[in-house]
């Protein structure tokens, strides 16, 4: 067996083991939990946008004075 063939074999074995480990850890997530996670991410994004807009409004209000 050449070193390339052996390396390819080890790479494939590593990949299969990694996939097995990842799938062993995954939990089934209910649609409600997925929706809750999506909504929480959206709330965080909207709060960040709001904070940026508040800072912009304050900056431009002070600039015009």
PDB file of N, CA and C in Angstrom:
ATOM      1  N   UNK A   1       0.851  -1.173   0.000  1.00  0.00           N
ATOM      2  CA  UNK A   1       0.000   0.000   0.000  1.00  0.00           C
ATOM      3  C   UNK A   1       0.899   1.239   0.000  1.00  0.00           C
ATOM      4  N   UNK A   2       0.637   2.155  -0.926  1.00  0.00           N
ATOM      5  CA  UNK A   2       1.441   3.374  -0.996  1.00  0.00           C
ATOM      6  C   UNK A   2       0.996   4.341   0.097  1.00  0.00           C
ATOM      7  N   UNK A   3       1.833   5.349   0.322  1.00  0.00           N
ATOM      8  CA  UNK A   3       1.497   6.303   1.385  1.00  0.00           C
ATOM      9  C   UNK A   3       0.244   7.111   1.035  1.00  0.00           C
ATOM     10  N   UNK A   4       0.038   7.395  -0.274  1.00  0.00           N
ATOM     11  CA  UNK A   4      -1.173   8.126  -0.672  1.00  0.00           C
ATOM     12  C   UNK A   4      -2.414   7.279  -0.413  1.00  0.00           C
ATOM     13  N   UNK A   5      -2.335   6.006  -0.739  1.00  0.00           N
ATOM     14  CA  UNK A   5      -3.476   5.122  -0.525  1.00  0.00           C
ATOM     15  C   UNK A   5      -3.760   4.989   0.966  1.00  0.00           C
ATOM     16  N   UNK A   6      -2.711   4.833   1.739  1.00  0.00           N
ATOM     17  CA  UNK A   6      -2.875   4.703   3.187  1.00  0.00           C
ATOM     18  C   UNK A   6      -3.460   5.997   3.772  1.00  0.00           C
ATOM     19  N   UNK A   7      -2.963   7.147   3.290  1.00  0.00           N
ATOM     20  CA  UNK A   7      -3.469   8.432   3.768  1.00  0.00           C
ATOM     21  C   UNK A   7      -4.941   8.589   3.397  1.00  0.00           C
ATOM     22  N   UNK A   8      -5.305   8.208   2.181  1.00  0.00           N
ATOM     23  CA  UNK A   8      -6.700   8.297   1.755  1.00  0.00           C
ATOM     24  C   UNK A   8      -7.575   7.406   2.626  1.00  0.00           C
ATOM     25  N   UNK A   9      -7.055   6.228   2.974  1.00  0.00           N
ATOM     26  CA  UNK A   9      -7.816   5.314   3.826  1.00  0.00           C
ATOM     27  C   UNK A   9      -8.011   5.922   5.214  1.00  0.00           C
ATOM     28  N   UNK A  10      -6.951   6.494   5.775  1.00  0.00           N
ATOM     29  CA  UNK A  10      -7.067   7.120   7.088  1.00  0.00           C
ATOM     30  C   UNK A  10      -8.005   8.319   7.041  1.00  0.00           C
ATOM     31  N   UNK A  11      -7.948   9.076   5.964  1.00  0.00           N
ATOM     32  CA  UNK A  11      -8.832  10.231   5.824  1.00  0.00           C
ATOM     33  C   UNK A  11     -10.285   9.777   5.797  1.00  0.00           C
ATOM     34  N   UNK A  12     -10.576   8.733   5.042  1.00  0.00           N
ATOM     35  CA  UNK A  12     -11.934   8.211   4.969  1.00  0.00           C
ATOM     36  C   UNK A  12     -12.373   7.685   6.333  1.00  0.00           C
ATOM     37  N   UNK A  13     -11.502   6.974   7.018  1.00  0.00           N
ATOM     38  CA  UNK A  13     -11.838   6.467   8.348  1.00  0.00           C
ATOM     39  C   UNK A  13     -12.114   7.621   9.311  1.00  0.00           C
ATOM     40  N   UNK A  14     -11.288   8.657   9.235  1.00  0.00           N
ATOM     41  CA  UNK A  14     -11.487   9.828  10.093  1.00  0.00           C
ATOM     42  C   UNK A  14     -12.833  10.481   9.801  1.00  0.00           C
ATOM     43  N   UNK A  15     -13.141  10.631   8.523  1.00  0.00           N
ATOM     44  CA  UNK A  15     -14.403  11.259   8.139  1.00  0.00           C
ATOM     45  C   UNK A  15     -15.592  10.446   8.639  1.00  0.00           C
ATOM     46  N   UNK A  16     -15.532   9.137   8.467  1.00  0.00           N
ATOM     47  CA  UNK A  16     -16.632   8.288   8.918  1.00  0.00           C
ATOM     48  C   UNK A  16     -16.798   8.357  10.436  1.00  0.00           C
ATOM     49  N   UNK A  17     -15.692   8.369  11.155  1.00  0.00           N
ATOM     50  CA  UNK A  17     -15.754   8.466  12.616  1.00  0.00           C
ATOM     51  C   UNK A  17     -16.312   9.822  13.045  1.00  0.00           C
ATOM     52  N   UNK A  18     -15.901  10.884  12.368  1.00  0.00           N
ATOM     53  CA  UNK A  18     -16.399  12.220  12.698  1.00  0.00           C
ATOM     54  C   UNK A  18     -17.906  12.308  12.457  1.00  0.00           C
ATOM     55  N   UNK A  19     -18.356  11.761  11.354  1.00  0.00           N
ATOM     56  CA  UNK A  19     -19.792  11.770  11.048  1.00  0.00           C
ATOM     57  C   UNK A  19     -20.549  10.969  12.102  1.00  0.00           C
ATOM     58  N   UNK A  20     -20.002   9.837  12.490  1.00  0.00           N
ATOM     59  CA  UNK A  20     -20.651   9.003  13.503  1.00  0.00           C
ATOM     60  C   UNK A  20     -20.760   9.753  14.827  1.00  0.00           C
ATOM     61  N   UNK A  21     -19.699  10.445  15.210  1.00  0.00           N
ATOM     62  CA  UNK A  21     -19.717  11.191  16.464  1.00  0.00           C
ATOM     63  C   UNK A  21     -20.732  12.330  16.430  1.00  0.00           C
ATOM     64  N   UNK A  22     -20.789  13.034  15.318  1.00  0.00           N
ATOM     65  CA  UNK A  22     -21.727  14.154  15.202  1.00  0.00           C
ATOM     66  C   UNK A  22     -23.161  13.657  15.236  1.00  0.00           C
ATOM     67  N   UNK A  23     -23.444  12.606  14.503  1.00  0.00           N
ATOM     68  CA  UNK A  23     -24.811  12.091  14.482  1.00  0.00           C
ATOM     69  C   UNK A  23     -25.201  11.484  15.820  1.00  0.00           C
ATOM     70  N   UNK A  24     -24.247  10.993  16.560  1.00  0.00           N
ATOM     71  CA  UNK A  24     -24.546  10.443  17.872  1.00  0.00           C
ATOM     72  C   UNK A  24     -24.938  11.509  18.871  1.00  0.00           C
ATOM     73  N   UNK A  25     -24.497  12.725  18.667  1.00  0.00           N
ATOM     74  CA  UNK A  25     -24.775  13.823  19.599  1.00  0.00           C
ATOM     75  C   UNK A  25     -26.035  14.595  19.252  1.00  0.00           C
ATOM     76  N   UNK A  26     -26.488  14.481  18.037  1.00  0.00           N
ATOM     77  CA  UNK A  26     -27.627  15.302  17.631  1.00  0.00           C
ATOM     78  C   UNK A  26     -28.882  14.873  18.366  1.00  0.00           C
ATOM     79  N   UNK A  27     -29.678  15.836  18.717  1.00  0.00           N
ATOM     80  CA  UNK A  27     -30.945  15.581  19.377  1.00  0.00           C
ATOM     81  C   UNK A  27     -32.046  16.023  18.430  1.00  0.00           C
ATOM     82  N   UNK A  28     -33.159  15.379  18.552  1.00  0.00           N
ATOM     83  CA  UNK A  28     -34.293  15.785  17.738  1.00  0.00           C
ATOM     84  C   UNK A  28     -34.855  17.077  18.321  1.00  0.00           C
ATOM     85  N   UNK A  29     -35.010  18.058  17.468  1.00  0.00           N
ATOM     86  CA  UNK A  29     -35.498  19.360  17.902  1.00  0.00           C
ATOM     87  C   UNK A  29     -36.905  19.534  17.354  1.00  0.00           C
ATOM     88  N   UNK A  30     -37.799  19.892  18.243  1.00  0.00           N
ATOM     89  CA  UNK A  30     -39.181  20.065  17.817  1.00  0.00           C
ATOM     90  C   UNK A  30     -39.303  21.335  16.973  1.00  0.00           C
ATOM     91  N   UNK A  31     -40.310  21.381  16.138  1.00  0.00           N
ATOM     92  CA  UNK A  31     -40.524  22.583  15.321  1.00  0.00           C
ATOM     93  C   UNK A  31     -40.726  23.834  16.181  1.00  0.00           C
ATOM     94  N   UNK A  32     -41.346  23.665  17.352  1.00  0.00           N
ATOM     95  CA  UNK A  32     -41.550  24.811  18.237  1.00  0.00           C
ATOM     96  C   UNK A  32     -40.217  25.358  18.733  1.00  0.00           C
ATOM     97  N   UNK A  33     -39.296  24.465  19.077  1.00  0.00           N
ATOM     98  CA  UNK A  33     -37.967  24.892  19.537  1.00  0.00           C
ATOM     99  C   UNK A  33     -37.211  25.593  18.411  1.00  0.00           C
ATOM    100  N   UNK A  34     -37.339  25.076  17.192  1.00  0.00           N
ATOM    101  CA  UNK A  34     -36.677  25.704  16.049  1.00  0.00           C
ATOM    102  C   UNK A  34     -37.233  27.106  15.821  1.00  0.00           C
ATOM    103  N   UNK A  35     -38.542  27.233  15.906  1.00  0.00           N
ATOM    104  CA  UNK A  35     -39.183  28.539  15.725  1.00  0.00           C
ATOM    105  C   UNK A  35     -38.756  29.499  16.832  1.00  0.00           C
ATOM    106  N   UNK A  36     -38.673  29.010  18.058  1.00  0.00           N
ATOM    107  CA  UNK A  36     -38.240  29.835  19.183  1.00  0.00           C
ATOM    108  C   UNK A  36     -36.813  30.329  18.974  1.00  0.00           C
ATOM    109  N   UNK A  37     -35.935  29.461  18.516  1.00  0.00           N
ATOM    110  CA  UNK A  37     -34.545  29.854  18.258  1.00  0.00           C
ATOM    111  C   UNK A  37     -34.483  30.897  17.148  1.00  0.00           C
ATOM    112  N   UNK A  38     -35.287  30.703  16.103  1.00  0.00           N
ATOM    113  CA  UNK A  38     -35.311  31.660  14.996  1.00  0.00           C
ATOM    114  C   UNK A  38     -35.812  33.020  15.474  1.00  0.00           C
ATOM    115  N   UNK A  39     -36.856  33.006  16.274  1.00  0.00           N
ATOM    116  CA  UNK A  39     -37.418  34.263  16.772  1.00  0.00           C
ATOM    117  C   UNK A  39     -36.452  34.975  17.708  1.00  0.00           C
ATOM    118  N   UNK A  40     -35.751  34.226  18.543  1.00  0.00           N
ATOM    119  CA  UNK A  40     -34.763  34.847  19.432  1.00  0.00           C
ATOM    120  C   UNK A  40     -33.639  35.495  18.628  1.00  0.00           C
ATOM    121  N   UNK A  41     -33.199  34.818  17.572  1.00  0.00           N
ATOM    122  CA  UNK A  41     -32.154  35.395  16.721  1.00  0.00           C
ATOM    123  C   UNK A  41     -32.663  36.663  16.044  1.00  0.00           C
ATOM    124  N   UNK A  42     -33.912  36.639  15.606  1.00  0.00           N
ATOM    125  CA  UNK A  42     -34.487  37.820  14.960  1.00  0.00           C
ATOM    126  C   UNK A  42     -34.612  38.981  15.945  1.00  0.00           C
ATOM    127  N   UNK A  43     -35.022  38.696  17.173  1.00  0.00           N
ATOM    128  CA  UNK A  43     -35.122  39.741  18.198  1.00  0.00           C
ATOM    129  C   UNK A  43     -33.755  40.359  18.453  1.00  0.00           C
ATOM    130  N   UNK A  44     -32.727  39.529  18.553  1.00  0.00           N
ATOM    131  CA  UNK A  44     -31.374  40.045  18.786  1.00  0.00           C
ATOM    132  C   UNK A  44     -30.931  40.939  17.632  1.00  0.00           C
ATOM    133  N   UNK A  45     -31.224  40.514  16.399  1.00  0.00           N
ATOM    134  CA  UNK A  45     -30.854  41.315  15.227  1.00  0.00           C
ATOM    135  C   UNK A  45     -31.605  42.639  15.221  1.00  0.00           C
ATOM    136  N   UNK A  46     -32.886  42.602  15.519  1.00  0.00           N
ATOM    137  CA  UNK A  46     -33.685  43.829  15.522  1.00  0.00           C
ATOM    138  C   UNK A  46     -33.247  44.797  16.620  1.00  0.00           C
ATOM    139  N   UNK A  47     -32.877  44.270  17.787  1.00  0.00           N
ATOM    140  CA  UNK A  47     -32.364  45.139  18.858  1.00  0.00           C
ATOM    141  C   UNK A  47     -31.071  45.816  18.430  1.00  0.00           C
ATOM    142  N   UNK A  48     -30.212  45.066  17.752  1.00  0.00           N
ATOM    143  CA  UNK A  48     -28.956  45.642  17.280  1.00  0.00           C
ATOM    144  C   UNK A  48     -29.237  46.749  16.263  1.00  0.00           C
ATOM    145  N   UNK A  49     -30.159  46.504  15.328  1.00  0.00           N
ATOM    146  CA  UNK A  49     -30.509  47.518  14.338  1.00  0.00           C
ATOM    147  C   UNK A  49     -31.097  48.755  15.014  1.00  0.00           C
ATOM    148  N   UNK A  50     -31.956  48.544  16.006  1.00  0.00           N
ATOM    149  CA  UNK A  50     -32.555  49.666  16.732  1.00  0.00           C
ATOM    150  C   UNK A  50     -31.488  50.513  17.413  1.00  0.00           C
ATOM    151  N   UNK A  51     -30.538  49.846  18.068  1.00  0.00           N
ATOM    152  CA  UNK A  51     -29.468  50.575  18.757  1.00  0.00           C
ATOM    153  C   UNK A  51     -28.639  51.393  17.776  1.00  0.00           C
ATOM    154  N   UNK A  52     -28.348  50.816  16.625  1.00  0.00           N
ATOM    155  CA  UNK A  52     -27.575  51.536  15.606  1.00  0.00           C
ATOM    156  C   UNK A  52     -28.355  52.749  15.112  1.00  0.00           C
ATOM    157  N   UNK A  53     -29.641  52.567  14.857  1.00  0.00           N
ATOM    158  CA  UNK A  53     -30.459  53.681  14.375  1.00  0.00           C
ATOM    159  C   UNK A  53     -30.590  54.785  15.427  1.00  0.00           C
ATOM    160  N   UNK A  54     -30.692  54.408  16.702  1.00  0.00           N
ATOM    161  CA  UNK A  54     -30.742  55.423  17.759  1.00  0.00           C
ATOM    162  C   UNK A  54     -29.455  56.239  17.788  1.00  0.00           C
ATOM    163  N   UNK A  55     -28.320  55.577  17.647  1.00  0.00           N
ATOM    164  CA  UNK A  55     -27.034  56.279  17.644  1.00  0.00           C
ATOM    165  C   UNK A  55     -26.905  57.183  16.425  1.00  0.00           C
ATOM    166  N   UNK A  56     -27.384  56.715  15.274  1.00  0.00           N
ATOM    167  CA  UNK A  56     -27.344  57.536  14.061  1.00  0.00           C
ATOM    168  C   UNK A  56     -28.226  58.771  14.221  1.00  0.00           C
ATOM    169  N   UNK A  57     -29.409  58.579  14.771  1.00  0.00           N
ATOM    170  CA  UNK A  57     -30.321  59.705  14.965  1.00  0.00           C
ATOM    171  C   UNK A  57     -29.709  60.733  15.909  1.00  0.00           C
ATOM    172  N   UNK A  58     -29.094  60.273  16.983  1.00  0.00           N
ATOM    173  CA  UNK A  58     -28.454  61.198  17.928  1.00  0.00           C
ATOM    174  C   UNK A  58     -27.292  61.922  17.265  1.00  0.00           C
ATOM    175  N   UNK A  59     -26.517  61.219  16.464  1.00  0.00           N
ATOM    176  CA  UNK A  59     -25.368  61.830  15.780  1.00  0.00           C
ATOM    177  C   UNK A  59     -25.831  62.930  14.834  1.00  0.00           C
ATOM    178  N   UNK A  60     -26.828  62.627  14.006  1.00  0.00           N
ATOM    179  CA  UNK A  60     -27.287  63.610  13.032  1.00  0.00           C
ATOM    180  C   UNK A  60     -28.048  64.755  13.700  1.00  0.00           C
ATOM    181  N   UNK A  61     -28.699  64.505  14.828  1.00  0.00           N
ATOM    182  CA  UNK A  61     -29.380  65.582  15.551  1.00  0.00           C
ATOM    183  C   UNK A  61     -28.360  66.561  16.116  1.00  0.00           C
ATOM    184  N   UNK A  62     -27.246  66.061  16.624  1.00  0.00           N
ATOM    185  CA  UNK A  62     -26.195  66.932  17.165  1.00  0.00           C
ATOM    186  C   UNK A  62     -25.432  67.644  16.057  1.00  0.00           C
ATOM    187  N   UNK A  63     -25.323  67.029  14.905  1.00  0.00           N
ATOM    188  CA  UNK A  63     -24.570  67.611  13.793  1.00  0.00           C
ATOM    189  C   UNK A  63     -25.282  68.830  13.227  1.00  0.00           C
ATOM    190  N   UNK A  64     -26.604  68.834  13.224  1.00  0.00           N
ATOM    191  CA  UNK A  64     -27.350  69.933  12.617  1.00  0.00           C
ATOM    192  C   UNK A  64     -27.430  71.157  13.524  1.00  0.00           C
ATOM    193  N   UNK A  65     -27.051  71.032  14.774  1.00  0.00           N
ATOM    194  CA  UNK A  65     -27.132  72.158  15.722  1.00  0.00           C
ATOM    195  C   UNK A  65     -25.987  73.087  15.555  1.00  0.00           C
TER     196      UNK A  65
END
